[in-house]
Amino acid sequence: MTDNEVVQHETADDVWGRLRPNEQGLVPVIVQEASSRSVLMLAWMDDEALRRTVTSRRATYWSRSRRAYWVKGETSGNTQAVREVRSDCDGDTLLLLVDQQGPACHTGASTCFDQQPSAGEQLPR
């Protein structure tokens, strides 16, 4: 375990105190499957979403478009049980390691990053 991981005795306030949110009070959250290490999605959290996530161990995010909190899987059943919360070295991004149940993407794909670029968008080798 590193200094950037949330440990059992840390509160969400302790973690949030190490972060540098943007001007809207949000930090991006990269969500990764704990066992396979597949990158599932990108979401946003504020201090309250982080508190709810750490307290419940259910991934809770801030929707910038709806301006509301949402618990992943609350309506779809495709839940994310949070194993670990880590902050990056700059304190401006979180990483959640989760046990994903069902697809992570609202499109039904296992990850929001399943989309392959078209031939014109691929990077040269």
C-alpha atoms as a PDB file:
ATOM      1  CA  MET A   1       0.000   0.000   0.000  1.00  0.00           C
ATOM      2  CA  THR A   2       1.321   3.448  -0.927  1.00  0.00           C
ATOM      3  CA  ASP A   3       0.733   6.886   0.558  1.00  0.00           C
ATOM      4  CA  ASN A   4      -1.692   7.603  -2.283  1.00  0.00           C
ATOM      5  CA  GLU A   5      -4.105   4.809  -1.313  1.00  0.00           C
ATOM      6  CA  VAL A   6      -7.031   5.324   1.014  1.00  0.00           C
ATOM      7  CA  VAL A   7      -6.494   3.159   4.054  1.00  0.00           C
ATOM      8  CA  GLN A   8      -9.233   2.040   6.420  1.00  0.00           C
ATOM      9  CA  HIS A   9      -8.487   4.669   9.078  1.00  0.00           C
ATOM     10  CA  GLU A  10      -8.490   7.621   6.661  1.00  0.00           C
ATOM     11  CA  THR A  11     -11.600   9.687   6.223  1.00  0.00           C
ATOM     12  CA  ALA A  12     -12.810  11.174   2.962  1.00  0.00           C
ATOM     13  CA  ASP A  13     -11.863  14.571   4.395  1.00  0.00           C
ATOM     14  CA  ASP A  14      -8.268  13.371   4.862  1.00  0.00           C
ATOM     15  CA  VAL A  15      -8.122  12.256   1.239  1.00  0.00           C
ATOM     16  CA  TRP A  16      -9.874  15.381  -0.079  1.00  0.00           C
ATOM     17  CA  GLY A  17      -7.402  17.527   1.861  1.00  0.00           C
ATOM     18  CA  ARG A  18      -4.578  16.117  -0.297  1.00  0.00           C
ATOM     19  CA  LEU A  19      -6.382  16.875  -3.567  1.00  0.00           C
ATOM     20  CA  ARG A  20      -6.381  19.933  -5.792  1.00  0.00           C
ATOM     21  CA  PRO A  21      -9.853  20.168  -7.362  1.00  0.00           C
ATOM     22  CA  ASN A  22     -10.534  22.293 -10.438  1.00  0.00           C
ATOM     23  CA  GLU A  23     -12.362  25.640 -10.322  1.00  0.00           C
ATOM     24  CA  GLN A  24     -15.715  23.789 -10.185  1.00  0.00           C
ATOM     25  CA  GLY A  25     -14.561  21.874  -7.093  1.00  0.00           C
ATOM     26  CA  LEU A  26     -14.225  18.598  -9.016  1.00  0.00           C
ATOM     27  CA  VAL A  27     -11.496  16.044  -9.652  1.00  0.00           C
ATOM     28  CA  PRO A  28     -11.488  13.518 -12.500  1.00  0.00           C
ATOM     29  CA  VAL A  29     -11.780   9.891 -11.451  1.00  0.00           C
ATOM     30  CA  ILE A  30     -10.288   7.068 -13.507  1.00  0.00           C
ATOM     31  CA  VAL A  31     -12.124   3.820 -12.793  1.00  0.00           C
ATOM     32  CA  GLN A  32     -10.261   0.549 -13.189  1.00  0.00           C
ATOM     33  CA  GLU A  33     -11.380  -3.073 -12.733  1.00  0.00           C
ATOM     34  CA  ALA A  34      -9.469  -4.323  -9.689  1.00  0.00           C
ATOM     35  CA  SER A  35      -8.719  -7.827 -10.936  1.00  0.00           C
ATOM     36  CA  SER A  36      -8.095  -7.327 -14.671  1.00  0.00           C
ATOM     37  CA  ARG A  37      -6.803  -3.733 -14.413  1.00  0.00           C
ATOM     38  CA  SER A  38      -8.952  -2.770 -17.433  1.00  0.00           C
ATOM     39  CA  VAL A  39      -9.721   0.946 -17.561  1.00  0.00           C
ATOM     40  CA  LEU A  40     -13.509   1.151 -17.363  1.00  0.00           C
ATOM     41  CA  MET A  41     -14.496   4.814 -17.411  1.00  0.00           C
ATOM     42  CA  LEU A  42     -13.784   8.402 -16.435  1.00  0.00           C
ATOM     43  CA  ALA A  43     -16.095  10.279 -14.080  1.00  0.00           C
ATOM     44  CA  TRP A  44     -16.008  13.261 -11.710  1.00  0.00           C
ATOM     45  CA  MET A  45     -16.191  13.669  -7.939  1.00  0.00           C
ATOM     46  CA  ASP A  46     -16.473  16.510  -5.511  1.00  0.00           C
ATOM     47  CA  ASP A  47     -15.832  16.212  -1.784  1.00  0.00           C
ATOM     48  CA  GLU A  48     -19.340  14.915  -1.065  1.00  0.00           C
ATOM     49  CA  ALA A  49     -19.180  12.238  -3.791  1.00  0.00           C
ATOM     50  CA  LEU A  50     -15.863  11.075  -2.349  1.00  0.00           C
ATOM     51  CA  ARG A  51     -17.328  11.002   1.166  1.00  0.00           C
ATOM     52  CA  ARG A  52     -20.285   8.917  -0.041  1.00  0.00           C
ATOM     53  CA  THR A  53     -17.962   6.560  -1.928  1.00  0.00           C
ATOM     54  CA  VAL A  54     -15.577   6.008   0.982  1.00  0.00           C
ATOM     55  CA  THR A  55     -18.441   5.581   3.459  1.00  0.00           C
ATOM     56  CA  SER A  56     -20.571   3.195   1.379  1.00  0.00           C
ATOM     57  CA  ARG A  57     -17.844   1.559  -0.769  1.00  0.00           C
ATOM     58  CA  ARG A  58     -20.235   2.088  -3.705  1.00  0.00           C
ATOM     59  CA  ALA A  59     -18.921   4.324  -6.471  1.00  0.00           C
ATOM     60  CA  THR A  60     -20.718   7.666  -6.304  1.00  0.00           C
ATOM     61  CA  TYR A  61     -20.031  10.406  -8.823  1.00  0.00           C
ATOM     62  CA  TRP A  62     -21.056  13.970  -9.660  1.00  0.00           C
ATOM     63  CA  SER A  63     -22.861  14.341 -12.977  1.00  0.00           C
ATOM     64  CA  ARG A  64     -21.780  17.594 -14.589  1.00  0.00           C
ATOM     65  CA  SER A  65     -24.677  17.518 -17.067  1.00  0.00           C
ATOM     66  CA  ARG A  66     -27.444  16.666 -14.565  1.00  0.00           C
ATOM     67  CA  ARG A  67     -25.764  18.548 -11.701  1.00  0.00           C
ATOM     68  CA  ALA A  68     -26.574  15.681  -9.332  1.00  0.00           C
ATOM     69  CA  TYR A  69     -24.941  12.760  -7.558  1.00  0.00           C
ATOM     70  CA  TRP A  70     -25.321   9.283  -8.985  1.00  0.00           C
ATOM     71  CA  VAL A  71     -24.392   5.883  -7.631  1.00  0.00           C
ATOM     72  CA  LYS A  72     -23.043   3.650 -10.385  1.00  0.00           C
ATOM     73  CA  GLY A  73     -25.541   0.874 -11.020  1.00  0.00           C
ATOM     74  CA  GLU A  74     -28.356   2.374  -8.959  1.00  0.00           C
ATOM     75  CA  THR A  75     -30.751   2.157 -11.902  1.00  0.00           C
ATOM     76  CA  SER A  76     -28.945  -0.233 -14.273  1.00  0.00           C
ATOM     77  CA  GLY A  77     -27.768  -2.796 -11.743  1.00  0.00           C
ATOM     78  CA  ASN A  78     -24.211  -2.512 -13.169  1.00  0.00           C
ATOM     79  CA  THR A  79     -22.563  -1.696  -9.866  1.00  0.00           C
ATOM     80  CA  GLN A  80     -19.036  -0.803  -8.830  1.00  0.00           C
ATOM     81  CA  ALA A  81     -17.918  -2.065  -5.422  1.00  0.00           C
ATOM     82  CA  VAL A  82     -14.924   0.063  -4.469  1.00  0.00           C
ATOM     83  CA  ARG A  83     -11.837  -1.793  -3.256  1.00  0.00           C
ATOM     84  CA  GLU A  84      -9.360   1.100  -3.225  1.00  0.00           C
ATOM     85  CA  VAL A  85      -9.206   4.842  -3.768  1.00  0.00           C
ATOM     86  CA  ARG A  86      -5.861   6.301  -4.806  1.00  0.00           C
ATOM     87  CA  SER A  87      -4.736   9.818  -5.621  1.00  0.00           C
ATOM     88  CA  ASP A  88      -2.110  10.607  -8.220  1.00  0.00           C
ATOM     89  CA  CYS A  89       1.243  12.211  -7.466  1.00  0.00           C
ATOM     90  CA  ASP A  90      -0.047  15.718  -8.275  1.00  0.00           C
ATOM     91  CA  GLY A  91      -3.208  15.400  -6.206  1.00  0.00           C
ATOM     92  CA  ASP A  92      -5.450  16.340  -9.103  1.00  0.00           C
ATOM     93  CA  THR A  93      -6.856  12.928 -10.118  1.00  0.00           C
ATOM     94  CA  LEU A  94      -8.334   9.938  -8.314  1.00  0.00           C
ATOM     95  CA  LEU A  95      -8.148   6.280  -9.272  1.00  0.00           C
ATOM     96  CA  LEU A  96     -10.842   3.881  -8.127  1.00  0.00           C
ATOM     97  CA  LEU A  97     -10.152   0.161  -8.184  1.00  0.00           C
ATOM     98  CA  VAL A  98     -13.526  -1.540  -8.334  1.00  0.00           C
ATOM     99  CA  ASP A  99     -15.258  -4.872  -8.684  1.00  0.00           C
ATOM    100  CA  GLN A 100     -17.479  -4.183 -11.685  1.00  0.00           C
ATOM    101  CA  GLN A 101     -20.758  -6.072 -11.998  1.00  0.00           C
ATOM    102  CA  GLY A 102     -22.066  -5.938 -15.569  1.00  0.00           C
ATOM    103  CA  PRO A 103     -20.964  -3.493 -18.239  1.00  0.00           C
ATOM    104  CA  ALA A 104     -19.386  -0.229 -17.101  1.00  0.00           C
ATOM    105  CA  CYS A 105     -20.510   1.895 -20.059  1.00  0.00           C
ATOM    106  CA  HIS A 106     -24.027   3.269 -20.508  1.00  0.00           C
ATOM    107  CA  THR A 107     -23.894   1.894 -24.082  1.00  0.00           C
ATOM    108  CA  GLY A 108     -23.694  -1.659 -22.734  1.00  0.00           C
ATOM    109  CA  ALA A 109     -19.986  -2.067 -23.536  1.00  0.00           C
ATOM    110  CA  SER A 110     -17.761  -3.548 -20.852  1.00  0.00           C
ATOM    111  CA  THR A 111     -15.664  -0.359 -20.828  1.00  0.00           C
ATOM    112  CA  CYS A 112     -16.236   3.177 -22.082  1.00  0.00           C
ATOM    113  CA  PHE A 113     -12.955   2.802 -23.969  1.00  0.00           C
ATOM    114  CA  ASP A 114     -13.964  -0.077 -26.266  1.00  0.00           C
ATOM    115  CA  GLN A 115     -14.419   2.266 -29.222  1.00  0.00           C
ATOM    116  CA  GLN A 116     -11.631   1.765 -31.760  1.00  0.00           C
ATOM    117  CA  PRO A 117     -10.446   4.834 -33.682  1.00  0.00           C
ATOM    118  CA  SER A 118     -11.053   4.885 -37.428  1.00  0.00           C
ATOM    119  CA  ALA A 119      -8.074   4.173 -39.679  1.00  0.00           C
ATOM    120  CA  GLY A 120      -7.410   7.911 -40.142  1.00  0.00           C
ATOM    121  CA  GLU A 121      -7.242   8.479 -36.365  1.00  0.00           C
ATOM    122  CA  GLN A 122      -4.739   5.769 -35.491  1.00  0.00           C
ATOM    123  CA  LEU A 123      -1.301   6.840 -34.395  1.00  0.00           C
ATOM    124  CA  PRO A 124       1.554   5.939 -36.715  1.00  0.00           C
ATOM    125  CA  ARG A 125       3.742   3.062 -35.593  1.00  0.00           C
END
